[in-house]
N, C-alpha and C. Protein backbone atom coordinates (compact mmCIF):
# COMPACT_ATOMS: atom_id res chain seq x y z
N MET A 1 13.72 -4.05 4.86
CA MET A 1 12.73 -4.47 5.83
C MET A 1 13.31 -5.62 6.65
N THR A 2 13.01 -5.59 7.91
CA THR A 2 13.55 -6.62 8.79
C THR A 2 12.67 -7.86 8.76
N PRO A 3 13.26 -9.04 8.87
CA PRO A 3 12.47 -10.27 8.91
C PRO A 3 11.55 -10.34 10.13
N VAL A 4 11.89 -9.61 11.18
CA VAL A 4 11.07 -9.60 12.39
C VAL A 4 9.68 -9.05 12.07
N LEU A 5 9.63 -7.98 11.31
CA LEU A 5 8.33 -7.40 10.96
C LEU A 5 7.48 -8.36 10.15
N GLU A 6 8.11 -9.04 9.18
CA GLU A 6 7.37 -10.01 8.39
C GLU A 6 6.85 -11.15 9.25
N ALA A 7 7.63 -11.57 10.22
CA ALA A 7 7.20 -12.65 11.10
C ALA A 7 6.05 -12.21 12.00
N ILE A 8 6.13 -11.01 12.51
CA ILE A 8 5.09 -10.52 13.41
C ILE A 8 3.77 -10.31 12.68
N PHE A 9 3.83 -9.68 11.51
CA PHE A 9 2.61 -9.36 10.78
C PHE A 9 2.20 -10.45 9.80
N ALA A 10 3.01 -11.50 9.66
CA ALA A 10 2.73 -12.66 8.83
C ALA A 10 2.57 -12.31 7.36
N SER A 11 3.03 -11.14 6.95
CA SER A 11 2.89 -10.74 5.57
C SER A 11 3.83 -9.58 5.28
N ARG A 12 4.52 -9.66 4.17
CA ARG A 12 5.41 -8.58 3.77
C ARG A 12 4.59 -7.34 3.41
N SER A 13 3.45 -7.54 2.74
CA SER A 13 2.63 -6.40 2.34
C SER A 13 2.03 -5.68 3.56
N ALA A 14 1.68 -6.41 4.61
CA ALA A 14 1.17 -5.78 5.82
C ALA A 14 2.26 -4.96 6.50
N ALA A 15 3.46 -5.51 6.58
CA ALA A 15 4.57 -4.79 7.21
C ALA A 15 4.91 -3.53 6.42
N ARG A 16 4.96 -3.64 5.10
CA ARG A 16 5.26 -2.47 4.26
C ARG A 16 4.18 -1.41 4.40
N THR A 17 2.94 -1.84 4.41
CA THR A 17 1.83 -0.90 4.53
C THR A 17 1.91 -0.13 5.84
N LEU A 18 2.14 -0.82 6.93
CA LEU A 18 2.20 -0.17 8.23
C LEU A 18 3.41 0.75 8.35
N LEU A 19 4.55 0.34 7.81
CA LEU A 19 5.73 1.20 7.85
C LEU A 19 5.51 2.47 7.01
N PHE A 20 4.88 2.32 5.86
CA PHE A 20 4.58 3.48 5.01
C PHE A 20 3.68 4.46 5.75
N LEU A 21 2.61 3.95 6.35
CA LEU A 21 1.68 4.83 7.06
C LEU A 21 2.35 5.48 8.27
N GLN A 22 3.24 4.78 8.93
CA GLN A 22 3.95 5.38 10.06
C GLN A 22 4.87 6.49 9.58
N ALA A 23 5.55 6.27 8.46
CA ALA A 23 6.50 7.27 7.96
C ALA A 23 5.79 8.50 7.40
N TYR A 24 4.68 8.32 6.70
CA TYR A 24 4.03 9.43 6.01
C TYR A 24 2.74 9.92 6.68
N GLY A 25 2.20 9.16 7.62
CA GLY A 25 0.99 9.60 8.32
C GLY A 25 -0.29 9.12 7.68
N SER A 26 -0.36 9.12 6.36
CA SER A 26 -1.54 8.64 5.65
C SER A 26 -1.13 8.27 4.24
N GLY A 27 -2.00 7.55 3.55
CA GLY A 27 -1.70 7.17 2.18
C GLY A 27 -2.82 6.35 1.59
N HIS A 28 -2.77 6.20 0.29
CA HIS A 28 -3.76 5.36 -0.39
C HIS A 28 -3.06 4.18 -1.04
N ALA A 29 -3.83 3.19 -1.42
CA ALA A 29 -3.29 1.91 -1.87
C ALA A 29 -2.34 2.06 -3.05
N SER A 30 -2.72 2.83 -4.06
CA SER A 30 -1.87 2.94 -5.24
C SER A 30 -0.57 3.67 -4.92
N GLN A 31 -0.60 4.60 -4.01
CA GLN A 31 0.61 5.32 -3.60
C GLN A 31 1.58 4.36 -2.90
N ILE A 32 1.06 3.52 -2.03
CA ILE A 32 1.90 2.55 -1.31
C ILE A 32 2.47 1.53 -2.29
N ALA A 33 1.62 1.00 -3.18
CA ALA A 33 2.07 0.01 -4.15
C ALA A 33 3.13 0.59 -5.08
N LYS A 34 2.97 1.82 -5.50
CA LYS A 34 3.94 2.47 -6.38
C LYS A 34 5.28 2.68 -5.67
N THR A 35 5.23 3.04 -4.40
CA THR A 35 6.46 3.26 -3.63
C THR A 35 7.32 2.01 -3.59
N TYR A 36 6.70 0.86 -3.36
CA TYR A 36 7.44 -0.39 -3.23
C TYR A 36 7.53 -1.18 -4.54
N SER A 37 6.92 -0.69 -5.61
CA SER A 37 6.88 -1.38 -6.92
C SER A 37 6.32 -2.78 -6.78
N VAL A 38 5.16 -2.87 -6.13
CA VAL A 38 4.47 -4.14 -5.94
C VAL A 38 3.06 -4.02 -6.52
N PRO A 39 2.38 -5.15 -6.74
CA PRO A 39 1.01 -5.08 -7.25
C PRO A 39 0.07 -4.39 -6.26
N LEU A 40 -0.96 -3.78 -6.79
CA LEU A 40 -1.90 -3.01 -5.98
C LEU A 40 -2.78 -3.89 -5.09
N ASN A 41 -3.22 -5.02 -5.60
CA ASN A 41 -4.20 -5.83 -4.88
C ASN A 41 -3.76 -6.29 -3.49
N PRO A 42 -2.55 -6.82 -3.29
CA PRO A 42 -2.16 -7.23 -1.93
C PRO A 42 -2.15 -6.06 -0.93
N ILE A 43 -1.73 -4.90 -1.39
CA ILE A 43 -1.70 -3.72 -0.52
C ILE A 43 -3.13 -3.32 -0.16
N TYR A 44 -4.00 -3.30 -1.15
CA TYR A 44 -5.39 -2.92 -0.91
C TYR A 44 -6.07 -3.90 0.05
N LEU A 45 -5.81 -5.18 -0.12
CA LEU A 45 -6.41 -6.18 0.78
C LEU A 45 -5.92 -6.00 2.21
N GLN A 46 -4.64 -5.67 2.39
CA GLN A 46 -4.11 -5.43 3.74
C GLN A 46 -4.73 -4.18 4.35
N LEU A 47 -4.88 -3.14 3.57
CA LEU A 47 -5.52 -1.92 4.08
C LEU A 47 -6.94 -2.20 4.53
N ARG A 48 -7.69 -2.93 3.73
CA ARG A 48 -9.08 -3.25 4.10
C ARG A 48 -9.15 -4.14 5.34
N ARG A 49 -8.23 -5.11 5.44
CA ARG A 49 -8.20 -6.00 6.61
C ARG A 49 -7.86 -5.22 7.87
N LEU A 50 -6.87 -4.34 7.78
CA LEU A 50 -6.47 -3.55 8.94
C LEU A 50 -7.58 -2.56 9.34
N GLU A 51 -8.30 -2.05 8.37
CA GLU A 51 -9.42 -1.16 8.68
C GLU A 51 -10.57 -1.94 9.34
N ALA A 52 -10.85 -3.12 8.84
CA ALA A 52 -11.93 -3.94 9.42
C ALA A 52 -11.63 -4.32 10.86
N ASN A 53 -10.35 -4.45 11.21
CA ASN A 53 -9.96 -4.82 12.57
C ASN A 53 -9.70 -3.63 13.48
N GLY A 54 -9.93 -2.41 12.99
CA GLY A 54 -9.84 -1.23 13.84
C GLY A 54 -8.46 -0.60 13.96
N VAL A 55 -7.49 -1.10 13.21
CA VAL A 55 -6.14 -0.53 13.27
C VAL A 55 -6.09 0.76 12.46
N LEU A 56 -6.76 0.78 11.33
CA LEU A 56 -6.78 1.94 10.45
C LEU A 56 -8.18 2.50 10.32
N VAL A 57 -8.26 3.74 9.92
CA VAL A 57 -9.52 4.37 9.53
C VAL A 57 -9.28 4.98 8.15
N SER A 58 -10.37 5.19 7.42
CA SER A 58 -10.21 5.76 6.09
C SER A 58 -11.23 6.86 5.87
N ARG A 59 -10.92 7.69 4.89
CA ARG A 59 -11.84 8.74 4.47
C ARG A 59 -11.68 8.88 2.97
N THR A 60 -12.70 9.40 2.34
CA THR A 60 -12.65 9.57 0.90
C THR A 60 -12.26 11.01 0.58
N VAL A 61 -11.26 11.15 -0.27
CA VAL A 61 -10.82 12.45 -0.75
C VAL A 61 -10.99 12.41 -2.26
N GLY A 62 -12.04 13.06 -2.75
CA GLY A 62 -12.37 12.95 -4.17
C GLY A 62 -12.84 11.53 -4.45
N ARG A 63 -12.12 10.84 -5.32
CA ARG A 63 -12.45 9.45 -5.63
C ARG A 63 -11.47 8.48 -4.98
N THR A 64 -10.61 8.97 -4.13
CA THR A 64 -9.55 8.16 -3.53
C THR A 64 -9.84 7.92 -2.05
N ARG A 65 -9.64 6.68 -1.61
CA ARG A 65 -9.79 6.34 -0.20
C ARG A 65 -8.42 6.43 0.47
N VAL A 66 -8.30 7.35 1.42
CA VAL A 66 -7.04 7.60 2.12
C VAL A 66 -7.11 6.94 3.50
N PHE A 67 -6.08 6.18 3.83
CA PHE A 67 -6.03 5.44 5.10
C PHE A 67 -5.03 6.09 6.04
N GLU A 68 -5.33 6.00 7.34
CA GLU A 68 -4.41 6.45 8.39
C GLU A 68 -4.69 5.64 9.64
N PHE A 69 -3.79 5.74 10.62
CA PHE A 69 -3.97 4.99 11.86
C PHE A 69 -5.18 5.51 12.63
N ASN A 70 -5.84 4.60 13.34
CA ASN A 70 -7.01 4.94 14.15
C ASN A 70 -6.52 5.65 15.42
N PRO A 71 -6.81 6.94 15.55
CA PRO A 71 -6.31 7.68 16.72
C PRO A 71 -7.02 7.32 18.02
N ARG A 72 -8.14 6.66 17.95
CA ARG A 72 -8.92 6.32 19.15
C ARG A 72 -8.53 5.00 19.79
N SER A 73 -7.72 4.23 19.11
CA SER A 73 -7.36 2.91 19.62
C SER A 73 -6.09 2.99 20.48
N PRO A 74 -6.16 2.55 21.74
CA PRO A 74 -4.97 2.57 22.59
C PRO A 74 -3.90 1.57 22.11
N THR A 75 -4.31 0.49 21.49
CA THR A 75 -3.37 -0.50 20.97
C THR A 75 -2.55 0.08 19.83
N VAL A 76 -3.17 0.93 19.04
CA VAL A 76 -2.49 1.53 17.90
C VAL A 76 -1.35 2.43 18.36
N ARG A 77 -1.52 3.09 19.47
CA ARG A 77 -0.43 3.94 19.99
C ARG A 77 0.83 3.12 20.24
N ASN A 78 0.66 1.96 20.85
CA ASN A 78 1.80 1.07 21.11
C ASN A 78 2.39 0.54 19.80
N LEU A 79 1.52 0.21 18.86
CA LEU A 79 1.98 -0.27 17.55
C LEU A 79 2.80 0.81 16.85
N ARG A 80 2.37 2.04 16.92
CA ARG A 80 3.09 3.13 16.26
C ARG A 80 4.46 3.36 16.90
N GLU A 81 4.56 3.21 18.21
CA GLU A 81 5.86 3.32 18.88
C GLU A 81 6.80 2.22 18.41
N PHE A 82 6.26 1.02 18.29
CA PHE A 82 7.05 -0.11 17.79
C PHE A 82 7.51 0.14 16.35
N LEU A 83 6.63 0.63 15.49
CA LEU A 83 6.98 0.90 14.10
C LEU A 83 8.02 2.01 13.99
N THR A 84 7.93 3.00 14.86
CA THR A 84 8.92 4.08 14.87
C THR A 84 10.30 3.52 15.20
N SER A 85 10.37 2.64 16.18
CA SER A 85 11.66 2.05 16.54
C SER A 85 12.19 1.17 15.42
N GLU A 86 11.31 0.48 14.71
CA GLU A 86 11.74 -0.34 13.58
C GLU A 86 12.23 0.52 12.42
N LEU A 87 11.60 1.65 12.18
CA LEU A 87 12.06 2.56 11.13
C LEU A 87 13.47 3.08 11.42
N GLU A 88 13.76 3.31 12.69
CA GLU A 88 15.09 3.79 13.07
C GLU A 88 16.18 2.75 12.85
N LEU A 89 15.79 1.47 12.83
CA LEU A 89 16.77 0.39 12.65
C LEU A 89 17.07 0.10 11.18
N LEU A 90 16.28 0.64 10.26
CA LEU A 90 16.48 0.36 8.84
C LEU A 90 17.74 1.05 8.33
N PRO A 91 18.39 0.46 7.33
CA PRO A 91 19.57 1.10 6.74
C PRO A 91 19.21 2.43 6.06
N ASP A 92 20.18 3.34 6.01
CA ASP A 92 19.94 4.67 5.44
C ASP A 92 19.47 4.63 4.00
N GLU A 93 20.04 3.73 3.18
CA GLU A 93 19.64 3.68 1.78
C GLU A 93 18.19 3.25 1.61
N GLU A 94 17.71 2.37 2.48
CA GLU A 94 16.30 1.95 2.42
C GLU A 94 15.38 3.08 2.88
N ILE A 95 15.81 3.82 3.88
CA ILE A 95 15.02 4.96 4.36
C ILE A 95 14.90 6.01 3.27
N LYS A 96 16.01 6.33 2.61
CA LYS A 96 15.98 7.32 1.53
C LYS A 96 15.12 6.86 0.37
N LYS A 97 15.19 5.58 0.05
CA LYS A 97 14.46 5.06 -1.11
C LYS A 97 12.96 5.02 -0.89
N TYR A 98 12.51 4.60 0.29
CA TYR A 98 11.09 4.37 0.53
C TYR A 98 10.41 5.41 1.42
N TYR A 99 11.11 5.98 2.37
CA TYR A 99 10.44 6.75 3.41
C TYR A 99 10.79 8.23 3.44
N ARG A 100 11.46 8.74 2.44
CA ARG A 100 11.77 10.16 2.38
C ARG A 100 11.43 10.74 1.01
N GLN A 101 10.34 10.30 0.43
CA GLN A 101 9.93 10.80 -0.88
C GLN A 101 9.25 12.15 -0.75
N ARG A 102 9.40 12.94 -1.77
CA ARG A 102 8.77 14.25 -1.79
C ARG A 102 7.27 14.07 -1.96
N ARG A 103 6.48 14.74 -1.13
CA ARG A 103 5.03 14.58 -1.15
C ARG A 103 4.31 15.78 -1.74
N ARG A 104 4.97 16.93 -1.82
CA ARG A 104 4.31 18.12 -2.34
C ARG A 104 4.84 18.44 -3.74
N PRO A 105 4.03 19.09 -4.55
CA PRO A 105 4.50 19.44 -5.89
C PRO A 105 5.57 20.53 -5.83
N ARG A 106 6.39 20.56 -6.84
CA ARG A 106 7.46 21.53 -6.96
C ARG A 106 6.92 22.80 -7.63
N ARG A 107 7.42 23.94 -7.23
CA ARG A 107 7.02 25.20 -7.84
C ARG A 107 7.39 25.20 -9.32
N THR A 108 6.52 25.73 -10.16
CA THR A 108 6.77 25.80 -11.59
C THR A 108 8.03 26.61 -11.88
N GLY A 109 8.91 26.03 -12.69
CA GLY A 109 10.14 26.72 -13.07
C GLY A 109 11.28 26.56 -12.10
N LYS A 110 11.08 25.92 -10.97
CA LYS A 110 12.15 25.77 -9.98
C LYS A 110 13.18 24.76 -10.49
N GLN A 111 14.45 25.08 -10.31
CA GLN A 111 15.54 24.21 -10.73
C GLN A 111 15.58 22.95 -9.86
N LEU A 112 15.95 21.82 -10.46
CA LEU A 112 16.10 20.59 -9.72
C LEU A 112 17.41 20.62 -9.05
């Protein structure tokens, strides 16, 4: 993660949360916290703060609250373009570790 993102968003957890949502499109707090191996509470607080300010929207899927960017906000479009450019600047090993995880289950019996 670049120090620029931490400076702009004033929080490492906010920067990580936004980069995760940009890379994957949507996610829930425990998924984001597990990806970065950080405590759940700071991530959840950032998600709630960003939702309260109109950057994110959420929906309930079963018992899980899934967050994604607010498609109706014109400011969010510019933010997403900025996050995309920041993702392109990250080193390859960081991209592979955090932003290229498998999201779908593997077929039963399929070789690794």
